[in-house]
């Protein structure tokens, strides 16, 4: 099967294809906000602002407060919270 329109991808355990509407926002973040959000330099501050904005957006979607939203690096890390 080579036709992407008929492909049904079920191997989402390790990675998942991005929805088309997500590609540009992700690329912009990778391009502009690549710093360590814990760093105090300008690129780190931009990254921290992106994380803060993402946390607020997720909180709104879940009807939660931003401090209730925790981002982890993996499922294993999340399981150990």
PDB file of N, CA and C in Angstrom:
ATOM      1  N   UNK A   1       0.859  -1.173   0.000  1.00  0.00           N
ATOM      2  CA  UNK A   1       0.000   0.000   0.000  1.00  0.00           C
ATOM      3  C   UNK A   1       0.903   1.233   0.000  1.00  0.00           C
ATOM      4  N   UNK A   2       0.728   2.093  -0.972  1.00  0.00           N
ATOM      5  CA  UNK A   2       1.553   3.297  -1.049  1.00  0.00           C
ATOM      6  C   UNK A   2       0.732   4.577  -1.025  1.00  0.00           C
ATOM      7  N   UNK A   3      -0.542   4.482  -1.185  1.00  0.00           N
ATOM      8  CA  UNK A   3      -1.392   5.672  -1.224  1.00  0.00           C
ATOM      9  C   UNK A   3      -1.619   6.201   0.197  1.00  0.00           C
ATOM     10  N   UNK A   4      -1.032   7.361   0.512  1.00  0.00           N
ATOM     11  CA  UNK A   4      -1.155   7.938   1.853  1.00  0.00           C
ATOM     12  C   UNK A   4      -2.599   8.241   2.232  1.00  0.00           C
ATOM     13  N   UNK A   5      -3.469   8.455   1.251  1.00  0.00           N
ATOM     14  CA  UNK A   5      -4.864   8.758   1.565  1.00  0.00           C
ATOM     15  C   UNK A   5      -5.603   7.555   2.131  1.00  0.00           C
ATOM     16  N   UNK A   6      -5.121   6.346   1.848  1.00  0.00           N
ATOM     17  CA  UNK A   6      -5.803   5.153   2.341  1.00  0.00           C
ATOM     18  C   UNK A   6      -5.030   4.457   3.452  1.00  0.00           C
ATOM     19  N   UNK A   7      -3.879   4.978   3.799  1.00  0.00           N
ATOM     20  CA  UNK A   7      -3.065   4.384   4.847  1.00  0.00           C
ATOM     21  C   UNK A   7      -3.714   4.588   6.210  1.00  0.00           C
ATOM     22  N   UNK A   8      -3.809   3.522   6.960  1.00  0.00           N
ATOM     23  CA  UNK A   8      -4.270   3.590   8.345  1.00  0.00           C
ATOM     24  C   UNK A   8      -3.087   3.179   9.202  1.00  0.00           C
ATOM     25  N   UNK A   9      -2.495   4.141   9.887  1.00  0.00           N
ATOM     26  CA  UNK A   9      -1.293   3.918  10.685  1.00  0.00           C
ATOM     27  C   UNK A   9      -1.692   3.611  12.116  1.00  0.00           C
ATOM     28  N   UNK A  10      -1.338   2.436  12.596  1.00  0.00           N
ATOM     29  CA  UNK A  10      -1.740   2.025  13.939  1.00  0.00           C
ATOM     30  C   UNK A  10      -0.569   1.859  14.899  1.00  0.00           C
ATOM     31  N   UNK A  11       0.649   2.162  14.463  1.00  0.00           N
ATOM     32  CA  UNK A  11       1.828   1.984  15.313  1.00  0.00           C
ATOM     33  C   UNK A  11       2.180   3.300  16.004  1.00  0.00           C
ATOM     34  N   UNK A  12       1.270   3.787  16.832  1.00  0.00           N
ATOM     35  CA  UNK A  12       1.451   5.077  17.498  1.00  0.00           C
ATOM     36  C   UNK A  12       2.130   4.961  18.855  1.00  0.00           C
ATOM     37  N   UNK A  13       2.651   3.798  19.193  1.00  0.00           N
ATOM     38  CA  UNK A  13       3.282   3.618  20.498  1.00  0.00           C
ATOM     39  C   UNK A  13       4.489   4.527  20.683  1.00  0.00           C
ATOM     40  N   UNK A  14       5.356   4.604  19.668  1.00  0.00           N
ATOM     41  CA  UNK A  14       6.575   5.393  19.802  1.00  0.00           C
ATOM     42  C   UNK A  14       6.486   6.761  19.145  1.00  0.00           C
ATOM     43  N   UNK A  15       5.705   6.882  18.107  1.00  0.00           N
ATOM     44  CA  UNK A  15       5.592   8.159  17.406  1.00  0.00           C
ATOM     45  C   UNK A  15       4.261   8.230  16.670  1.00  0.00           C
ATOM     46  N   UNK A  16       3.818   9.409  16.425  1.00  0.00           N
ATOM     47  CA  UNK A  16       2.553   9.637  15.736  1.00  0.00           C
ATOM     48  C   UNK A  16       2.760  10.734  14.706  1.00  0.00           C
ATOM     49  N   UNK A  17       2.143  10.565  13.549  1.00  0.00           N
ATOM     50  CA  UNK A  17       2.219  11.597  12.515  1.00  0.00           C
ATOM     51  C   UNK A  17       1.514  12.860  13.014  1.00  0.00           C
ATOM     52  N   UNK A  18       2.086  14.002  12.683  1.00  0.00           N
ATOM     53  CA  UNK A  18       1.458  15.271  13.062  1.00  0.00           C
ATOM     54  C   UNK A  18       0.247  15.551  12.186  1.00  0.00           C
ATOM     55  N   UNK A  19      -0.781  16.090  12.785  1.00  0.00           N
ATOM     56  CA  UNK A  19      -1.913  16.582  12.004  1.00  0.00           C
ATOM     57  C   UNK A  19      -1.412  17.760  11.170  1.00  0.00           C
ATOM     58  N   UNK A  20      -1.868  17.886   9.933  1.00  0.00           N
ATOM     59  CA  UNK A  20      -1.364  18.956   9.062  1.00  0.00           C
ATOM     60  C   UNK A  20      -1.441  20.349   9.685  1.00  0.00           C
ATOM     61  N   UNK A  21      -2.479  20.640  10.439  1.00  0.00           N
ATOM     62  CA  UNK A  21      -2.619  21.972  11.029  1.00  0.00           C
ATOM     63  C   UNK A  21      -1.641  22.207  12.185  1.00  0.00           C
ATOM     64  N   UNK A  22      -0.955  21.168  12.618  1.00  0.00           N
ATOM     65  CA  UNK A  22       0.021  21.301  13.712  1.00  0.00           C
ATOM     66  C   UNK A  22       1.449  21.497  13.220  1.00  0.00           C
ATOM     67  N   UNK A  23       1.714  21.198  11.959  1.00  0.00           N
ATOM     68  CA  UNK A  23       3.087  21.219  11.457  1.00  0.00           C
ATOM     69  C   UNK A  23       3.715  22.604  11.594  1.00  0.00           C
ATOM     70  N   UNK A  24       3.081  23.650  11.090  1.00  0.00           N
ATOM     71  CA  UNK A  24       3.683  24.986  11.124  1.00  0.00           C
ATOM     72  C   UNK A  24       3.872  25.508  12.545  1.00  0.00           C
ATOM     73  N   UNK A  25       2.889  25.373  13.446  1.00  0.00           N
ATOM     74  CA  UNK A  25       3.139  25.828  14.820  1.00  0.00           C
ATOM     75  C   UNK A  25       4.298  25.084  15.493  1.00  0.00           C
ATOM     76  N   UNK A  26       4.424  23.792  15.240  1.00  0.00           N
ATOM     77  CA  UNK A  26       5.533  23.039  15.823  1.00  0.00           C
ATOM     78  C   UNK A  26       6.855  23.503  15.231  1.00  0.00           C
ATOM     79  N   UNK A  27       6.904  23.679  13.910  1.00  0.00           N
ATOM     80  CA  UNK A  27       8.130  24.164  13.274  1.00  0.00           C
ATOM     81  C   UNK A  27       8.519  25.543  13.800  1.00  0.00           C
ATOM     82  N   UNK A  28       7.549  26.420  13.975  1.00  0.00           N
ATOM     83  CA  UNK A  28       7.837  27.760  14.500  1.00  0.00           C
ATOM     84  C   UNK A  28       8.428  27.672  15.905  1.00  0.00           C
ATOM     85  N   UNK A  29       7.893  26.799  16.722  1.00  0.00           N
ATOM     86  CA  UNK A  29       8.412  26.634  18.079  1.00  0.00           C
ATOM     87  C   UNK A  29       9.828  26.068  18.047  1.00  0.00           C
ATOM     88  N   UNK A  30      10.059  25.069  17.208  1.00  0.00           N
ATOM     89  CA  UNK A  30      11.404  24.493  17.093  1.00  0.00           C
ATOM     90  C   UNK A  30      12.403  25.518  16.571  1.00  0.00           C
ATOM     91  N   UNK A  31      11.951  26.374  15.687  1.00  0.00           N
ATOM     92  CA  UNK A  31      12.818  27.383  15.077  1.00  0.00           C
ATOM     93  C   UNK A  31      13.089  28.550  16.030  1.00  0.00           C
ATOM     94  N   UNK A  32      12.084  28.992  16.767  1.00  0.00           N
ATOM     95  CA  UNK A  32      12.182  30.241  17.522  1.00  0.00           C
ATOM     96  C   UNK A  32      12.316  30.076  19.036  1.00  0.00           C
ATOM     97  N   UNK A  33      11.884  28.959  19.573  1.00  0.00           N
ATOM     98  CA  UNK A  33      11.833  28.796  21.037  1.00  0.00           C
ATOM     99  C   UNK A  33      12.544  27.527  21.474  1.00  0.00           C
ATOM    100  N   UNK A  34      13.712  27.302  20.938  1.00  0.00           N
ATOM    101  CA  UNK A  34      14.438  26.051  21.162  1.00  0.00           C
ATOM    102  C   UNK A  34      15.248  26.029  22.453  1.00  0.00           C
ATOM    103  N   UNK A  35      15.248  27.100  23.199  1.00  0.00           N
ATOM    104  CA  UNK A  35      16.083  27.196  24.395  1.00  0.00           C
ATOM    105  C   UNK A  35      15.560  26.383  25.561  1.00  0.00           C
ATOM    106  N   UNK A  36      16.399  26.268  26.563  1.00  0.00           N
ATOM    107  CA  UNK A  36      16.031  25.615  27.810  1.00  0.00           C
ATOM    108  C   UNK A  36      15.149  26.581  28.599  1.00  0.00           C
ATOM    109  N   UNK A  37      13.893  26.215  28.878  1.00  0.00           N
ATOM    110  CA  UNK A  37      13.000  27.147  29.567  1.00  0.00           C
ATOM    111  C   UNK A  37      13.425  27.473  31.000  1.00  0.00           C
ATOM    112  N   UNK A  38      14.409  26.762  31.517  1.00  0.00           N
ATOM    113  CA  UNK A  38      14.925  27.073  32.852  1.00  0.00           C
ATOM    114  C   UNK A  38      16.110  28.030  32.810  1.00  0.00           C
ATOM    115  N   UNK A  39      16.561  28.370  31.604  1.00  0.00           N
ATOM    116  CA  UNK A  39      17.693  29.294  31.462  1.00  0.00           C
ATOM    117  C   UNK A  39      17.210  30.734  31.466  1.00  0.00           C
ATOM    118  N   UNK A  40      18.075  31.640  31.864  1.00  0.00           N
ATOM    119  CA  UNK A  40      17.705  33.051  31.975  1.00  0.00           C
ATOM    120  C   UNK A  40      18.076  33.879  30.753  1.00  0.00           C
ATOM    121  N   UNK A  41      18.675  33.268  29.734  1.00  0.00           N
ATOM    122  CA  UNK A  41      18.999  34.039  28.531  1.00  0.00           C
ATOM    123  C   UNK A  41      17.749  34.211  27.674  1.00  0.00           C
ATOM    124  N   UNK A  42      17.838  35.051  26.655  1.00  0.00           N
ATOM    125  CA  UNK A  42      16.666  35.425  25.848  1.00  0.00           C
ATOM    126  C   UNK A  42      15.981  34.223  25.207  1.00  0.00           C
ATOM    127  N   UNK A  43      16.760  33.291  24.668  1.00  0.00           N
ATOM    128  CA  UNK A  43      16.148  32.128  24.012  1.00  0.00           C
ATOM    129  C   UNK A  43      15.449  31.249  25.048  1.00  0.00           C
ATOM    130  N   UNK A  44      16.041  31.125  26.228  1.00  0.00           N
ATOM    131  CA  UNK A  44      15.397  30.373  27.298  1.00  0.00           C
ATOM    132  C   UNK A  44      14.113  31.032  27.770  1.00  0.00           C
ATOM    133  N   UNK A  45      14.119  32.343  27.849  1.00  0.00           N
ATOM    134  CA  UNK A  45      12.910  33.077  28.250  1.00  0.00           C
ATOM    135  C   UNK A  45      11.792  32.899  27.221  1.00  0.00           C
ATOM    136  N   UNK A  46      12.155  32.876  25.928  1.00  0.00           N
ATOM    137  CA  UNK A  46      11.146  32.618  24.881  1.00  0.00           C
ATOM    138  C   UNK A  46      10.560  31.221  25.042  1.00  0.00           C
ATOM    139  N   UNK A  47      11.423  30.253  25.301  1.00  0.00           N
ATOM    140  CA  UNK A  47      10.947  28.884  25.500  1.00  0.00           C
ATOM    141  C   UNK A  47      10.035  28.798  26.722  1.00  0.00           C
ATOM    142  N   UNK A  48      10.411  29.482  27.797  1.00  0.00           N
ATOM    143  CA  UNK A  48       9.584  29.480  29.008  1.00  0.00           C
ATOM    144  C   UNK A  48       8.215  30.091  28.728  1.00  0.00           C
ATOM    145  N   UNK A  49       8.184  31.158  27.937  1.00  0.00           N
ATOM    146  CA  UNK A  49       6.906  31.785  27.580  1.00  0.00           C
ATOM    147  C   UNK A  49       6.035  30.814  26.785  1.00  0.00           C
ATOM    148  N   UNK A  50       6.646  30.039  25.895  1.00  0.00           N
ATOM    149  CA  UNK A  50       5.894  29.047  25.113  1.00  0.00           C
ATOM    150  C   UNK A  50       5.317  27.968  26.029  1.00  0.00           C
ATOM    151  N   UNK A  51       6.109  27.498  26.981  1.00  0.00           N
ATOM    152  CA  UNK A  51       5.634  26.474  27.916  1.00  0.00           C
ATOM    153  C   UNK A  51       4.499  27.035  28.769  1.00  0.00           C
ATOM    154  N   UNK A  52       4.645  28.258  29.230  1.00  0.00           N
ATOM    155  CA  UNK A  52       3.604  28.897  30.040  1.00  0.00           C
ATOM    156  C   UNK A  52       2.314  29.042  29.245  1.00  0.00           C
ATOM    157  N   UNK A  53       2.436  29.455  27.987  1.00  0.00           N
ATOM    158  CA  UNK A  53       1.256  29.591  27.127  1.00  0.00           C
ATOM    159  C   UNK A  53       0.616  28.228  26.870  1.00  0.00           C
ATOM    160  N   UNK A  54       1.420  27.219  26.612  1.00  0.00           N
ATOM    161  CA  UNK A  54       0.886  25.873  26.381  1.00  0.00           C
ATOM    162  C   UNK A  54       0.169  25.355  27.621  1.00  0.00           C
ATOM    163  N   UNK A  55       0.764  25.585  28.787  1.00  0.00           N
ATOM    164  CA  UNK A  55       0.145  25.138  30.044  1.00  0.00           C
ATOM    165  C   UNK A  55      -1.220  25.812  30.236  1.00  0.00           C
ATOM    166  N   UNK A  56      -1.295  27.097  29.947  1.00  0.00           N
ATOM    167  CA  UNK A  56      -2.567  27.822  30.079  1.00  0.00           C
ATOM    168  C   UNK A  56      -3.602  27.295  29.085  1.00  0.00           C
ATOM    169  N   UNK A  57      -3.172  26.999  27.866  1.00  0.00           N
ATOM    170  CA  UNK A  57      -4.099  26.474  26.850  1.00  0.00           C
ATOM    171  C   UNK A  57      -4.645  25.112  27.253  1.00  0.00           C
ATOM    172  N   UNK A  58      -3.779  24.228  27.712  1.00  0.00           N
ATOM    173  CA  UNK A  58      -4.220  22.901  28.149  1.00  0.00           C
ATOM    174  C   UNK A  58      -5.145  23.032  29.354  1.00  0.00           C
ATOM    175  N   UNK A  59      -4.813  23.905  30.274  1.00  0.00           N
ATOM    176  CA  UNK A  59      -5.660  24.109  31.455  1.00  0.00           C
ATOM    177  C   UNK A  59      -7.059  24.565  31.051  1.00  0.00           C
ATOM    178  N   UNK A  60      -7.133  25.498  30.098  1.00  0.00           N
ATOM    179  CA  UNK A  60      -8.451  25.959  29.626  1.00  0.00           C
ATOM    180  C   UNK A  60      -9.244  24.806  29.019  1.00  0.00           C
ATOM    181  N   UNK A  61      -8.585  23.988  28.205  1.00  0.00           N
ATOM    182  CA  UNK A  61      -9.275  22.859  27.567  1.00  0.00           C
ATOM    183  C   UNK A  61      -9.806  21.857  28.588  1.00  0.00           C
ATOM    184  N   UNK A  62      -9.096  21.715  29.693  1.00  0.00           N
ATOM    185  CA  UNK A  62      -9.474  20.734  30.711  1.00  0.00           C
ATOM    186  C   UNK A  62     -10.242  21.344  31.874  1.00  0.00           C
ATOM    187  N   UNK A  63     -10.542  22.645  31.779  1.00  0.00           N
ATOM    188  CA  UNK A  63     -11.212  23.352  32.866  1.00  0.00           C
ATOM    189  C   UNK A  63     -10.437  23.177  34.175  1.00  0.00           C
ATOM    190  N   UNK A  64      -9.131  23.398  34.073  1.00  0.00           N
ATOM    191  CA  UNK A  64      -8.234  23.253  35.221  1.00  0.00           C
ATOM    192  C   UNK A  64      -7.466  24.551  35.419  1.00  0.00           C
ATOM    193  N   UNK A  65      -6.753  24.630  36.504  1.00  0.00           N
ATOM    194  CA  UNK A  65      -5.865  25.765  36.751  1.00  0.00           C
ATOM    195  C   UNK A  65      -4.484  25.428  36.186  1.00  0.00           C
ATOM    196  N   UNK A  66      -3.779  26.401  35.624  1.00  0.00           N
ATOM    197  CA  UNK A  66      -2.451  26.123  35.058  1.00  0.00           C
ATOM    198  C   UNK A  66      -1.500  25.369  35.994  1.00  0.00           C
ATOM    199  N   UNK A  67      -1.456  25.661  37.296  1.00  0.00           N
ATOM    200  CA  UNK A  67      -0.537  24.897  38.156  1.00  0.00           C
ATOM    201  C   UNK A  67      -0.867  23.402  38.250  1.00  0.00           C
ATOM    202  N   UNK A  68      -2.088  23.033  37.852  1.00  0.00           N
ATOM    203  CA  UNK A  68      -2.466  21.619  37.871  1.00  0.00           C
ATOM    204  C   UNK A  68      -1.920  20.854  36.667  1.00  0.00           C
ATOM    205  N   UNK A  69      -1.413  21.556  35.677  1.00  0.00           N
ATOM    206  CA  UNK A  69      -0.913  20.930  34.452  1.00  0.00           C
ATOM    207  C   UNK A  69       0.585  20.700  34.592  1.00  0.00           C
ATOM    208  N   UNK A  70       0.997  19.447  34.449  1.00  0.00           N
ATOM    209  CA  UNK A  70       2.407  19.076  34.560  1.00  0.00           C
ATOM    210  C   UNK A  70       2.825  18.408  33.258  1.00  0.00           C
ATOM    211  N   UNK A  71       3.887  18.903  32.650  1.00  0.00           N
ATOM    212  CA  UNK A  71       4.446  18.290  31.450  1.00  0.00           C
ATOM    213  C   UNK A  71       5.615  17.407  31.866  1.00  0.00           C
ATOM    214  N   UNK A  72       5.664  16.199  31.344  1.00  0.00           N
ATOM    215  CA  UNK A  72       6.771  15.291  31.626  1.00  0.00           C
ATOM    216  C   UNK A  72       7.429  14.875  30.320  1.00  0.00           C
ATOM    217  N   UNK A  73       8.613  14.302  30.421  1.00  0.00           N
ATOM    218  CA  UNK A  73       9.369  13.890  29.241  1.00  0.00           C
ATOM    219  C   UNK A  73       8.952  12.520  28.729  1.00  0.00           C
ATOM    220  N   UNK A  74       8.240  11.752  29.544  1.00  0.00           N
ATOM    221  CA  UNK A  74       7.886  10.395  29.123  1.00  0.00           C
ATOM    222  C   UNK A  74       6.751   9.853  29.978  1.00  0.00           C
ATOM    223  N   UNK A  75       6.174   8.766  29.504  1.00  0.00           N
ATOM    224  CA  UNK A  75       5.151   8.089  30.285  1.00  0.00           C
ATOM    225  C   UNK A  75       5.703   7.550  31.591  1.00  0.00           C
ATOM    226  N   UNK A  76       6.940   7.057  31.550  1.00  0.00           N
ATOM    227  CA  UNK A  76       7.571   6.536  32.759  1.00  0.00           C
ATOM    228  C   UNK A  76       7.726   7.635  33.802  1.00  0.00           C
ATOM    229  N   UNK A  77       8.188   8.800  33.369  1.00  0.00           N
ATOM    230  CA  UNK A  77       8.320   9.927  34.301  1.00  0.00           C
ATOM    231  C   UNK A  77       6.958  10.301  34.878  1.00  0.00           C
ATOM    232  N   UNK A  78       5.937  10.319  34.032  1.00  0.00           N
ATOM    233  CA  UNK A  78       4.589  10.655  34.496  1.00  0.00           C
ATOM    234  C   UNK A  78       4.085   9.630  35.508  1.00  0.00           C
ATOM    235  N   UNK A  79       4.390   8.358  35.281  1.00  0.00           N
ATOM    236  CA  UNK A  79       3.962   7.316  36.221  1.00  0.00           C
ATOM    237  C   UNK A  79       4.602   7.469  37.588  1.00  0.00           C
ATOM    238  N   UNK A  80       5.760   8.109  37.639  1.00  0.00           N
ATOM    239  CA  UNK A  80       6.465   8.268  38.908  1.00  0.00           C
ATOM    240  C   UNK A  80       6.105   9.560  39.647  1.00  0.00           C
ATOM    241  N   UNK A  81       5.135  10.306  39.144  1.00  0.00           N
ATOM    242  CA  UNK A  81       4.722  11.525  39.852  1.00  0.00           C
ATOM    243  C   UNK A  81       4.035  11.168  41.156  1.00  0.00           C
TER     244      UNK A  81
END
